[in-house]
Amino acid sequence: MPYEGWSNRETWNIALWLNNTEGDYRYCMELAEKHKTKTALGKALKENYGQVGFGDTPASRMNRVHWSEVAESFLPEH
Protein backbone atom coordinates (compact mmCIF):
# COMPACT_ATOMS: atom_id res chain seq x y z
CA MET A 1 0.00 0.00 0.00
CA PRO A 2 1.48 3.40 -0.97
CA TYR A 3 2.68 5.61 1.88
CA GLU A 4 3.74 9.28 1.71
CA GLY A 5 4.52 8.99 -2.01
CA TRP A 6 6.59 5.80 -1.59
CA SER A 7 5.57 2.24 -2.46
CA ASN A 8 5.07 1.32 1.21
CA ARG A 9 5.78 2.49 4.75
CA GLU A 10 8.98 0.45 5.11
CA THR A 11 10.51 1.97 1.97
CA TRP A 12 9.51 5.47 3.07
CA ASN A 13 10.97 4.93 6.54
CA ILE A 14 14.33 3.64 5.32
CA ALA A 15 14.62 6.46 2.77
CA LEU A 16 13.74 8.99 5.48
CA TRP A 17 16.45 7.72 7.83
CA LEU A 18 19.14 7.34 5.17
CA ASN A 19 18.49 10.81 3.76
CA ASN A 20 18.33 12.52 7.16
CA THR A 21 21.15 10.91 9.16
CA GLU A 22 24.37 12.64 8.16
CA GLY A 23 26.75 9.69 8.35
CA ASP A 24 24.40 7.36 6.52
CA TYR A 25 23.60 10.01 3.92
CA ARG A 26 27.27 10.56 3.16
CA TYR A 27 27.89 6.83 2.94
CA CYS A 28 24.94 6.38 0.58
CA MET A 29 26.25 9.19 -1.60
CA GLU A 30 29.64 7.44 -1.73
CA LEU A 31 27.88 4.25 -2.79
CA ALA A 32 26.00 6.22 -5.45
CA GLU A 33 29.34 7.35 -6.90
CA LYS A 34 30.33 3.70 -7.36
CA HIS A 35 26.95 2.29 -8.38
CA LYS A 36 25.47 4.50 -11.09
CA THR A 37 22.14 2.72 -11.67
CA LYS A 38 19.20 2.35 -9.31
CA THR A 39 19.43 -1.44 -9.59
CA ALA A 40 23.13 -1.59 -8.69
CA LEU A 41 22.81 1.01 -5.94
CA GLY A 42 19.68 -0.66 -4.60
CA LYS A 43 21.57 -3.93 -4.32
CA ALA A 44 24.47 -2.21 -2.52
CA LEU A 45 22.08 -0.49 -0.11
CA LYS A 46 20.35 -3.77 0.64
CA GLU A 47 23.69 -5.47 1.27
CA ASN A 48 24.71 -2.71 3.67
CA TYR A 49 21.42 -1.97 5.43
CA GLY A 50 18.96 -4.75 4.65
CA GLN A 51 20.16 -7.46 7.01
CA VAL A 52 19.12 -5.87 10.31
CA GLY A 53 16.44 -3.45 11.40
CA PHE A 54 17.12 0.20 10.71
CA GLY A 55 15.37 3.38 11.77
CA ASP A 56 11.85 2.48 12.77
CA THR A 57 11.76 -0.61 10.54
CA PRO A 58 12.41 -3.89 12.39
CA ALA A 59 14.48 -6.65 10.80
CA SER A 60 11.34 -8.70 10.25
CA ARG A 61 10.00 -6.03 7.84
CA MET A 62 13.18 -5.23 5.89
CA ASN A 63 12.16 -7.65 3.13
CA ARG A 64 9.36 -5.22 2.22
CA VAL A 65 11.78 -2.37 1.40
CA HIS A 66 12.02 -1.49 -2.30
CA TRP A 67 15.73 -0.78 -2.39
CA SER A 68 15.87 0.45 -5.98
CA GLU A 69 13.27 3.07 -5.05
CA VAL A 70 15.42 4.18 -2.10
CA ALA A 71 18.43 4.25 -4.43
CA GLU A 72 16.71 6.74 -6.75
CA SER A 73 16.79 9.33 -3.97
CA PHE A 74 20.62 9.27 -4.06
CA LEU A 75 21.13 9.29 -7.82
CA PRO A 76 21.24 12.48 -9.88
CA GLU A 77 18.16 13.11 -11.96
CA HIS A 78 18.50 12.35 -15.66
PDB file of N, CA and C in Angstrom:
ATOM      1  N   MET A   1       0.843  -1.177   0.000  1.00  0.00           N
ATOM      2  CA  MET A   1       0.000   0.000   0.000  1.00  0.00           C
ATOM      3  C   MET A   1       0.890   1.243   0.000  1.00  0.00           C
ATOM      4  N   PRO A   2       0.675   2.182  -0.908  1.00  0.00           N
ATOM      5  CA  PRO A   2       1.483   3.401  -0.969  1.00  0.00           C
ATOM      6  C   PRO A   2       1.444   4.185   0.352  1.00  0.00           C
ATOM      7  N   TYR A   3       2.574   4.839   0.640  1.00  0.00           N
ATOM      8  CA  TYR A   3       2.677   5.608   1.882  1.00  0.00           C
ATOM      9  C   TYR A   3       3.550   6.836   1.635  1.00  0.00           C
ATOM     10  N   GLU A   4       2.998   8.013   1.839  1.00  0.00           N
ATOM     11  CA  GLU A   4       3.739   9.277   1.710  1.00  0.00           C
ATOM     12  C   GLU A   4       4.497   9.399   0.382  1.00  0.00           C
ATOM     13  N   GLY A   5       3.903   8.893  -0.695  1.00  0.00           N
ATOM     14  CA  GLY A   5       4.523   8.989  -2.008  1.00  0.00           C
ATOM     15  C   GLY A   5       5.503   7.868  -2.330  1.00  0.00           C
ATOM     16  N   TRP A   6       5.699   6.944  -1.402  1.00  0.00           N
ATOM     17  CA  TRP A   6       6.587   5.797  -1.592  1.00  0.00           C
ATOM     18  C   TRP A   6       5.729   4.548  -1.749  1.00  0.00           C
ATOM     19  N   SER A   7       6.334   3.461  -2.198  1.00  0.00           N
ATOM     20  CA  SER A   7       5.568   2.239  -2.465  1.00  0.00           C
ATOM     21  C   SER A   7       4.968   1.619  -1.206  1.00  0.00           C
ATOM     22  N   ASN A   8       5.613   1.809  -0.051  1.00  0.00           N
ATOM     23  CA  ASN A   8       5.073   1.318   1.215  1.00  0.00           C
ATOM     24  C   ASN A   8       5.755   2.036   2.377  1.00  0.00           C
ATOM     25  N   ARG A   9       5.255   1.803   3.576  1.00  0.00           N
ATOM     26  CA  ARG A   9       5.782   2.494   4.753  1.00  0.00           C
ATOM     27  C   ARG A   9       7.246   2.135   5.018  1.00  0.00           C
ATOM     28  N   GLU A  10       7.609   0.885   4.836  1.00  0.00           N
ATOM     29  CA  GLU A  10       8.980   0.453   5.108  1.00  0.00           C
ATOM     30  C   GLU A  10       9.976   1.163   4.189  1.00  0.00           C
ATOM     31  N   THR A  11       9.640   1.276   2.921  1.00  0.00           N
ATOM     32  CA  THR A  11      10.515   1.966   1.972  1.00  0.00           C
ATOM     33  C   THR A  11      10.634   3.441   2.336  1.00  0.00           C
ATOM     34  N   TRP A  12       9.507   4.068   2.649  1.00  0.00           N
ATOM     35  CA  TRP A  12       9.510   5.471   3.072  1.00  0.00           C
ATOM     36  C   TRP A  12      10.384   5.664   4.302  1.00  0.00           C
ATOM     37  N   ASN A  13      10.244   4.788   5.289  1.00  0.00           N
ATOM     38  CA  ASN A  13      10.974   4.935   6.542  1.00  0.00           C
ATOM     39  C   ASN A  13      12.477   4.802   6.346  1.00  0.00           C
ATOM     40  N   ILE A  14      12.892   3.816   5.569  1.00  0.00           N
ATOM     41  CA  ILE A  14      14.327   3.639   5.318  1.00  0.00           C
ATOM     42  C   ILE A  14      14.882   4.837   4.557  1.00  0.00           C
ATOM     43  N   ALA A  15      14.174   5.288   3.535  1.00  0.00           N
ATOM     44  CA  ALA A  15      14.619   6.459   2.771  1.00  0.00           C
ATOM     45  C   ALA A  15      14.709   7.690   3.671  1.00  0.00           C
ATOM     46  N   LEU A  16      13.748   7.854   4.548  1.00  0.00           N
ATOM     47  CA  LEU A  16      13.744   8.985   5.481  1.00  0.00           C
ATOM     48  C   LEU A  16      14.990   8.964   6.354  1.00  0.00           C
ATOM     49  N   TRP A  17      15.281   7.828   6.952  1.00  0.00           N
ATOM     50  CA  TRP A  17      16.449   7.716   7.826  1.00  0.00           C
ATOM     51  C   TRP A  17      17.753   7.900   7.052  1.00  0.00           C
ATOM     52  N   LEU A  18      17.880   7.253   5.915  1.00  0.00           N
ATOM     53  CA  LEU A  18      19.138   7.343   5.169  1.00  0.00           C
ATOM     54  C   LEU A  18      19.391   8.744   4.634  1.00  0.00           C
ATOM     55  N   ASN A  19      18.330   9.456   4.288  1.00  0.00           N
ATOM     56  CA  ASN A  19      18.486  10.810   3.759  1.00  0.00           C
ATOM     57  C   ASN A  19      18.609  11.873   4.842  1.00  0.00           C
ATOM     58  N   ASN A  20      18.348  11.521   6.094  1.00  0.00           N
ATOM     59  CA  ASN A  20      18.333  12.517   7.163  1.00  0.00           C
ATOM     60  C   ASN A  20      19.289  12.229   8.302  1.00  0.00           C
ATOM     61  N   THR A  21      20.112  11.207   8.174  1.00  0.00           N
ATOM     62  CA  THR A  21      21.147  10.906   9.161  1.00  0.00           C
ATOM     63  C   THR A  21      22.478  11.153   8.462  1.00  0.00           C
ATOM     64  N   GLU A  22      23.217  12.158   8.912  1.00  0.00           N
ATOM     65  CA  GLU A  22      24.368  12.643   8.160  1.00  0.00           C
ATOM     66  C   GLU A  22      25.364  11.557   7.755  1.00  0.00           C
ATOM     67  N   GLY A  23      25.777  10.726   8.677  1.00  0.00           N
ATOM     68  CA  GLY A  23      26.754   9.692   8.348  1.00  0.00           C
ATOM     69  C   GLY A  23      26.230   8.702   7.316  1.00  0.00           C
ATOM     70  N   ASP A  24      24.995   8.291   7.487  1.00  0.00           N
ATOM     71  CA  ASP A  24      24.403   7.359   6.523  1.00  0.00           C
ATOM     72  C   ASP A  24      24.197   8.020   5.169  1.00  0.00           C
ATOM     73  N   TYR A  25      23.782   9.278   5.181  1.00  0.00           N
ATOM     74  CA  TYR A  25      23.600  10.007   3.924  1.00  0.00           C
ATOM     75  C   TYR A  25      24.907  10.088   3.144  1.00  0.00           C
ATOM     76  N   ARG A  26      25.968  10.448   3.835  1.00  0.00           N
ATOM     77  CA  ARG A  26      27.271  10.559   3.163  1.00  0.00           C
ATOM     78  C   ARG A  26      27.732   9.210   2.610  1.00  0.00           C
ATOM     79  N   TYR A  27      27.509   8.164   3.397  1.00  0.00           N
ATOM     80  CA  TYR A  27      27.894   6.830   2.941  1.00  0.00           C
ATOM     81  C   TYR A  27      27.080   6.424   1.709  1.00  0.00           C
ATOM     82  N   CYS A  28      25.793   6.703   1.726  1.00  0.00           N
ATOM     83  CA  CYS A  28      24.939   6.382   0.581  1.00  0.00           C
ATOM     84  C   CYS A  28      25.362   7.162  -0.657  1.00  0.00           C
ATOM     85  N   MET A  29      25.771   8.401  -0.477  1.00  0.00           N
ATOM     86  CA  MET A  29      26.249   9.194  -1.603  1.00  0.00           C
ATOM     87  C   MET A  29      27.557   8.621  -2.152  1.00  0.00           C
ATOM     88  N   GLU A  30      28.420   8.099  -1.277  1.00  0.00           N
ATOM     89  CA  GLU A  30      29.642   7.441  -1.734  1.00  0.00           C
ATOM     90  C   GLU A  30      29.294   6.188  -2.543  1.00  0.00           C
ATOM     91  N   LEU A  31      28.331   5.428  -2.051  1.00  0.00           N
ATOM     92  CA  LEU A  31      27.881   4.245  -2.789  1.00  0.00           C
ATOM     93  C   LEU A  31      27.316   4.641  -4.149  1.00  0.00           C
ATOM     94  N   ALA A  32      26.601   5.749  -4.192  1.00  0.00           N
ATOM     95  CA  ALA A  32      26.004   6.218  -5.446  1.00  0.00           C
ATOM     96  C   ALA A  32      27.078   6.590  -6.468  1.00  0.00           C
ATOM     97  N   GLU A  33      28.230   7.044  -5.993  1.00  0.00           N
ATOM     98  CA  GLU A  33      29.341   7.352  -6.899  1.00  0.00           C
ATOM     99  C   GLU A  33      29.874   6.086  -7.566  1.00  0.00           C
ATOM    100  N   LYS A  34      29.819   4.968  -6.848  1.00  0.00           N
ATOM    101  CA  LYS A  34      30.329   3.696  -7.358  1.00  0.00           C
ATOM    102  C   LYS A  34      29.280   2.939  -8.173  1.00  0.00           C
ATOM    103  N   HIS A  35      28.044   3.051  -7.766  1.00  0.00           N
ATOM    104  CA  HIS A  35      26.945   2.292  -8.379  1.00  0.00           C
ATOM    105  C   HIS A  35      26.007   3.284  -9.058  1.00  0.00           C
ATOM    106  N   LYS A  36      26.136   3.421 -10.352  1.00  0.00           N
ATOM    107  CA  LYS A  36      25.473   4.499 -11.093  1.00  0.00           C
ATOM    108  C   LYS A  36      24.020   4.245 -11.477  1.00  0.00           C
ATOM    109  N   THR A  37      23.525   3.004 -11.316  1.00  0.00           N
ATOM    110  CA  THR A  37      22.136   2.717 -11.665  1.00  0.00           C
ATOM    111  C   THR A  37      21.333   2.419 -10.404  1.00  0.00           C
ATOM    112  N   LYS A  38      20.025   2.601 -10.493  1.00  0.00           N
ATOM    113  CA  LYS A  38      19.201   2.348  -9.308  1.00  0.00           C
ATOM    114  C   LYS A  38      19.219   0.873  -8.919  1.00  0.00           C
ATOM    115  N   THR A  39      19.372  -0.015  -9.900  1.00  0.00           N
ATOM    116  CA  THR A  39      19.433  -1.444  -9.589  1.00  0.00           C
ATOM    117  C   THR A  39      20.710  -1.784  -8.830  1.00  0.00           C
ATOM    118  N   ALA A  40      21.843  -1.312  -9.331  1.00  0.00           N
ATOM    119  CA  ALA A  40      23.130  -1.586  -8.689  1.00  0.00           C
ATOM    120  C   ALA A  40      23.213  -0.925  -7.317  1.00  0.00           C
ATOM    121  N   LEU A  41      22.782   0.313  -7.227  1.00  0.00           N
ATOM    122  CA  LEU A  41      22.812   1.009  -5.941  1.00  0.00           C
ATOM    123  C   LEU A  41      21.824   0.374  -4.973  1.00  0.00           C
ATOM    124  N   GLY A  42      20.657   0.011  -5.452  1.00  0.00           N
ATOM    125  CA  GLY A  42      19.679  -0.657  -4.596  1.00  0.00           C
ATOM    126  C   GLY A  42      20.240  -1.932  -3.997  1.00  0.00           C
ATOM    127  N   LYS A  43      20.948  -2.699  -4.802  1.00  0.00           N
ATOM    128  CA  LYS A  43      21.568  -3.929  -4.320  1.00  0.00           C
ATOM    129  C   LYS A  43      22.624  -3.622  -3.254  1.00  0.00           C
ATOM    130  N   ALA A  44      23.441  -2.596  -3.495  1.00  0.00           N
ATOM    131  CA  ALA A  44      24.468  -2.210  -2.523  1.00  0.00           C
ATOM    132  C   ALA A  44      23.835  -1.723  -1.217  1.00  0.00           C
ATOM    133  N   LEU A  45      22.763  -0.953  -1.320  1.00  0.00           N
ATOM    134  CA  LEU A  45      22.076  -0.485  -0.113  1.00  0.00           C
ATOM    135  C   LEU A  45      21.504  -1.657   0.677  1.00  0.00           C
ATOM    136  N   LYS A  46      20.906  -2.592  -0.028  1.00  0.00           N
ATOM    137  CA  LYS A  46      20.346  -3.771   0.636  1.00  0.00           C
ATOM    138  C   LYS A  46      21.441  -4.572   1.331  1.00  0.00           C
ATOM    139  N   GLU A  47      22.576  -4.730   0.668  1.00  0.00           N
ATOM    140  CA  GLU A  47      23.692  -5.472   1.267  1.00  0.00           C
ATOM    141  C   GLU A  47      24.210  -4.787   2.527  1.00  0.00           C
ATOM    142  N   ASN A  48      24.182  -3.456   2.537  1.00  0.00           N
ATOM    143  CA  ASN A  48      24.712  -2.708   3.674  1.00  0.00           C
ATOM    144  C   ASN A  48      23.704  -2.456   4.787  1.00  0.00           C
ATOM    145  N   TYR A  49      22.434  -2.341   4.435  1.00  0.00           N
ATOM    146  CA  TYR A  49      21.424  -1.972   5.434  1.00  0.00           C
ATOM    147  C   TYR A  49      20.283  -2.972   5.590  1.00  0.00           C
ATOM    148  N   GLY A  50      20.142  -3.907   4.675  1.00  0.00           N
ATOM    149  CA  GLY A  50      18.957  -4.752   4.654  1.00  0.00           C
ATOM    150  C   GLY A  50      18.974  -5.982   5.530  1.00  0.00           C
ATOM    151  N   GLN A  51      20.060  -6.228   6.222  1.00  0.00           N
ATOM    152  CA  GLN A  51      20.159  -7.458   7.006  1.00  0.00           C
ATOM    153  C   GLN A  51      19.648  -7.316   8.435  1.00  0.00           C
ATOM    154  N   VAL A  52      19.584  -6.117   8.936  1.00  0.00           N
ATOM    155  CA  VAL A  52      19.116  -5.865  10.310  1.00  0.00           C
ATOM    156  C   VAL A  52      18.087  -4.746  10.269  1.00  0.00           C
ATOM    157  N   GLY A  53      17.389  -4.560  11.339  1.00  0.00           N
ATOM    158  CA  GLY A  53      16.443  -3.446  11.404  1.00  0.00           C
ATOM    159  C   GLY A  53      17.185  -2.126  11.332  1.00  0.00           C
ATOM    160  N   PHE A  54      16.501  -1.120  10.842  1.00  0.00           N
ATOM    161  CA  PHE A  54      17.119   0.198  10.710  1.00  0.00           C
ATOM    162  C   PHE A  54      16.042   1.255  10.857  1.00  0.00           C
ATOM    163  N   GLY A  55      16.375   2.344  11.539  1.00  0.00           N
ATOM    164  CA  GLY A  55      15.372   3.379  11.769  1.00  0.00           C
ATOM    165  C   GLY A  55      14.226   2.796  12.567  1.00  0.00           C
ATOM    166  N   ASP A  56      13.033   3.006  12.099  1.00  0.00           N
ATOM    167  CA  ASP A  56      11.848   2.477  12.773  1.00  0.00           C
ATOM    168  C   ASP A  56      11.344   1.196  12.107  1.00  0.00           C
ATOM    169  N   THR A  57      12.153   0.606  11.249  1.00  0.00           N
ATOM    170  CA  THR A  57      11.758  -0.611  10.538  1.00  0.00           C
ATOM    171  C   THR A  57      12.490  -1.803  11.157  1.00  0.00           C
ATOM    172  N   PRO A  58      11.757  -2.722  11.781  1.00  0.00           N
ATOM    173  CA  PRO A  58      12.407  -3.891  12.385  1.00  0.00           C
ATOM    174  C   PRO A  58      12.935  -4.858  11.327  1.00  0.00           C
ATOM    175  N   ALA A  59      13.875  -5.690  11.719  1.00  0.00           N
ATOM    176  CA  ALA A  59      14.482  -6.654  10.799  1.00  0.00           C
ATOM    177  C   ALA A  59      13.431  -7.518  10.113  1.00  0.00           C
ATOM    178  N   SER A  60      12.377  -7.834  10.818  1.00  0.00           N
ATOM    179  CA  SER A  60      11.336  -8.701  10.252  1.00  0.00           C
ATOM    180  C   SER A  60      10.572  -8.053   9.096  1.00  0.00           C
ATOM    181  N   ARG A  61      10.712  -6.742   8.901  1.00  0.00           N
ATOM    182  CA  ARG A  61       9.999  -6.028   7.838  1.00  0.00           C
ATOM    183  C   ARG A  61      10.930  -5.512   6.739  1.00  0.00           C
ATOM    184  N   MET A  62      12.221  -5.751   6.868  1.00  0.00           N
ATOM    185  CA  MET A  62      13.176  -5.228   5.888  1.00  0.00           C
ATOM    186  C   MET A  62      12.984  -5.847   4.504  1.00  0.00           C
ATOM    187  N   ASN A  63      12.397  -7.029   4.428  1.00  0.00           N
ATOM    188  CA  ASN A  63      12.164  -7.650   3.131  1.00  0.00           C
ATOM    189  C   ASN A  63      11.102  -6.914   2.319  1.00  0.00           C
ATOM    190  N   ARG A  64      10.380  -5.994   2.926  1.00  0.00           N
ATOM    191  CA  ARG A  64       9.362  -5.215   2.217  1.00  0.00           C
ATOM    192  C   ARG A  64       9.932  -3.936   1.585  1.00  0.00           C
ATOM    193  N   VAL A  65      11.170  -3.597   1.911  1.00  0.00           N
ATOM    194  CA  VAL A  65      11.783  -2.367   1.398  1.00  0.00           C
ATOM    195  C   VAL A  65      12.089  -2.520  -0.088  1.00  0.00           C
ATOM    196  N   HIS A  66      11.707  -1.537  -0.873  1.00  0.00           N
ATOM    197  CA  HIS A  66      12.020  -1.489  -2.301  1.00  0.00           C
ATOM    198  C   HIS A  66      13.325  -0.693  -2.438  1.00  0.00           C
ATOM    199  N   TRP A  67      14.420  -1.415  -2.440  1.00  0.00           N
ATOM    200  CA  TRP A  67      15.735  -0.783  -2.388  1.00  0.00           C
ATOM    201  C   TRP A  67      16.052   0.052  -3.619  1.00  0.00           C
ATOM    202  N   SER A  68      15.595  -0.351  -4.781  1.00  0.00           N
ATOM    203  CA  SER A  68      15.868   0.453  -5.980  1.00  0.00           C
ATOM    204  C   SER A  68      15.134   1.789  -5.908  1.00  0.00           C
ATOM    205  N   GLU A  69      14.000   1.813  -5.241  1.00  0.00           N
ATOM    206  CA  GLU A  69      13.270   3.069  -5.050  1.00  0.00           C
ATOM    207  C   GLU A  69      14.036   3.986  -4.095  1.00  0.00           C
ATOM    208  N   VAL A  70      14.587   3.402  -3.033  1.00  0.00           N
ATOM    209  CA  VAL A  70      15.420   4.184  -2.104  1.00  0.00           C
ATOM    210  C   VAL A  70      16.639   4.711  -2.851  1.00  0.00           C
ATOM    211  N   ALA A  71      17.224   3.863  -3.689  1.00  0.00           N
ATOM    212  CA  ALA A  71      18.426   4.247  -4.433  1.00  0.00           C
ATOM    213  C   ALA A  71      18.188   5.482  -5.295  1.00  0.00           C
ATOM    214  N   GLU A  72      17.022   5.587  -5.892  1.00  0.00           N
ATOM    215  CA  GLU A  72      16.712   6.743  -6.752  1.00  0.00           C
ATOM    216  C   GLU A  72      16.890   8.072  -6.020  1.00  0.00           C
ATOM    217  N   SER A  73      16.676   8.076  -4.717  1.00  0.00           N
ATOM    218  CA  SER A  73      16.795   9.332  -3.966  1.00  0.00           C
ATOM    219  C   SER A  73      18.244   9.790  -3.825  1.00  0.00           C
ATOM    220  N   PHE A  74      19.187   8.915  -4.152  1.00  0.00           N
ATOM    221  CA  PHE A  74      20.616   9.268  -4.061  1.00  0.00           C
ATOM    222  C   PHE A  74      21.267   9.461  -5.427  1.00  0.00           C
ATOM    223  N   LEU A  75      20.574   9.151  -6.467  1.00  0.00           N
ATOM    224  CA  LEU A  75      21.132   9.294  -7.816  1.00  0.00           C
ATOM    225  C   LEU A  75      20.714  10.623  -8.437  1.00  0.00           C
ATOM    226  N   PRO A  76      21.612  11.233  -9.213  1.00  0.00           N
ATOM    227  CA  PRO A  76      21.243  12.478  -9.879  1.00  0.00           C
ATOM    228  C   PRO A  76      20.099  12.238 -10.872  1.00  0.00           C
ATOM    229  N   GLU A  77      19.264  13.229 -11.010  1.00  0.00           N
ATOM    230  CA  GLU A  77      18.164  13.109 -11.964  1.00  0.00           C
ATOM    231  C   GLU A  77      18.704  13.139 -13.382  1.00  0.00           C
ATOM    232  N   HIS A  78      18.055  12.400 -14.268  1.00  0.00           N
ATOM    233  CA  HIS A  78      18.501  12.347 -15.661  1.00  0.00           C
ATOM    234  C   HIS A  78      17.825  13.430 -16.453  1.00  0.00           C
TER     235      HIS A  78
END
